[in-house]
């Protein structure tokens, strides 16, 4: 997910907690906000970065790489 303001996301992240997500903060990657859902069996994970940031580009490149492995 791309956002325009990480501070605003931090403030609003309680809404994700209300939906069952665990708020993990940066969780080892500077500039990222990480949320996960499902403790015993993980069902969802969500990564948030500033729009257009290096982190977004890196994660999307990795996604595209995995898609290419499967369908390329």
Protein backbone atom coordinates (compact mmCIF):
# COMPACT_ATOMS: atom_id res chain seq x y z
CA UNK A 1 0.00 0.00 0.00
CA UNK A 2 1.24 3.48 -0.81
CA UNK A 3 0.37 6.41 1.45
CA UNK A 4 1.15 10.12 1.34
CA UNK A 5 1.88 10.48 5.06
CA UNK A 6 3.25 7.78 7.38
CA UNK A 7 2.49 9.87 10.47
CA UNK A 8 -1.17 10.01 9.49
CA UNK A 9 -1.15 6.27 8.86
CA UNK A 10 0.32 5.74 12.33
CA UNK A 11 -2.55 7.76 13.81
CA UNK A 12 -5.19 5.96 11.76
CA UNK A 13 -3.72 2.46 12.17
CA UNK A 14 -6.06 1.70 15.08
CA UNK A 15 -8.76 1.26 12.44
CA UNK A 16 -6.75 -1.65 11.04
CA UNK A 17 -6.45 -3.10 14.56
CA UNK A 18 -10.26 -2.94 14.76
CA UNK A 19 -10.32 -5.09 11.60
CA UNK A 20 -8.12 -7.71 13.28
CA UNK A 21 -4.67 -6.62 12.13
CA UNK A 22 -1.68 -6.57 14.46
CA UNK A 23 0.31 -3.33 14.18
CA UNK A 24 4.01 -4.19 13.78
CA UNK A 25 5.55 -0.77 13.01
CA UNK A 26 8.58 -0.73 10.71
CA UNK A 27 9.43 -4.32 11.70
CA UNK A 28 13.01 -4.18 10.43
CA UNK A 29 12.56 -2.10 7.26
CA UNK A 30 12.99 1.64 7.67
CA UNK A 31 10.13 3.65 6.22
CA UNK A 32 7.70 0.73 6.14
CA UNK A 33 4.63 0.10 8.23
CA UNK A 34 3.76 -3.58 8.56
CA UNK A 35 0.45 -5.09 9.63
CA UNK A 36 -0.42 -8.77 9.90
CA UNK A 37 -3.65 -10.64 10.49
CA UNK A 38 -4.03 -14.10 11.93
CA UNK A 39 -1.80 -15.32 14.72
CA UNK A 40 -1.82 -19.13 14.60
CA UNK A 41 -2.50 -19.12 10.86
CA UNK A 42 -1.47 -15.94 9.05
CA UNK A 43 -4.18 -14.92 6.63
CA UNK A 44 -3.06 -11.44 5.53
CA UNK A 45 -0.09 -9.14 5.65
CA UNK A 46 0.05 -5.52 4.60
CA UNK A 47 3.10 -3.40 3.87
CA UNK A 48 2.71 0.39 3.66
CA UNK A 49 5.30 2.82 2.27
CA UNK A 50 5.39 6.44 1.23
CA UNK A 51 4.12 6.79 -2.33
CA UNK A 52 6.93 6.50 -4.87
CA UNK A 53 9.55 5.55 -2.28
CA UNK A 54 12.39 3.09 -2.79
CA UNK A 55 10.63 0.62 -0.52
CA UNK A 56 7.55 0.54 -2.75
CA UNK A 57 9.65 0.09 -5.87
CA UNK A 58 11.66 -2.72 -4.25
CA UNK A 59 8.59 -4.60 -3.03
CA UNK A 60 6.82 -4.27 -6.38
CA UNK A 61 9.92 -5.46 -8.22
CA UNK A 62 10.04 -8.54 -5.98
CA UNK A 63 6.33 -9.17 -6.59
CA UNK A 64 6.86 -8.91 -10.34
CA UNK A 65 9.85 -11.26 -10.12
CA UNK A 66 7.73 -13.89 -8.35
CA UNK A 67 4.94 -13.52 -10.90
CA UNK A 68 7.47 -13.99 -13.70
CA UNK A 69 8.79 -17.17 -12.11
CA UNK A 70 5.33 -18.64 -12.08
CA UNK A 71 3.89 -17.34 -15.33
CA UNK A 72 6.95 -16.17 -17.31
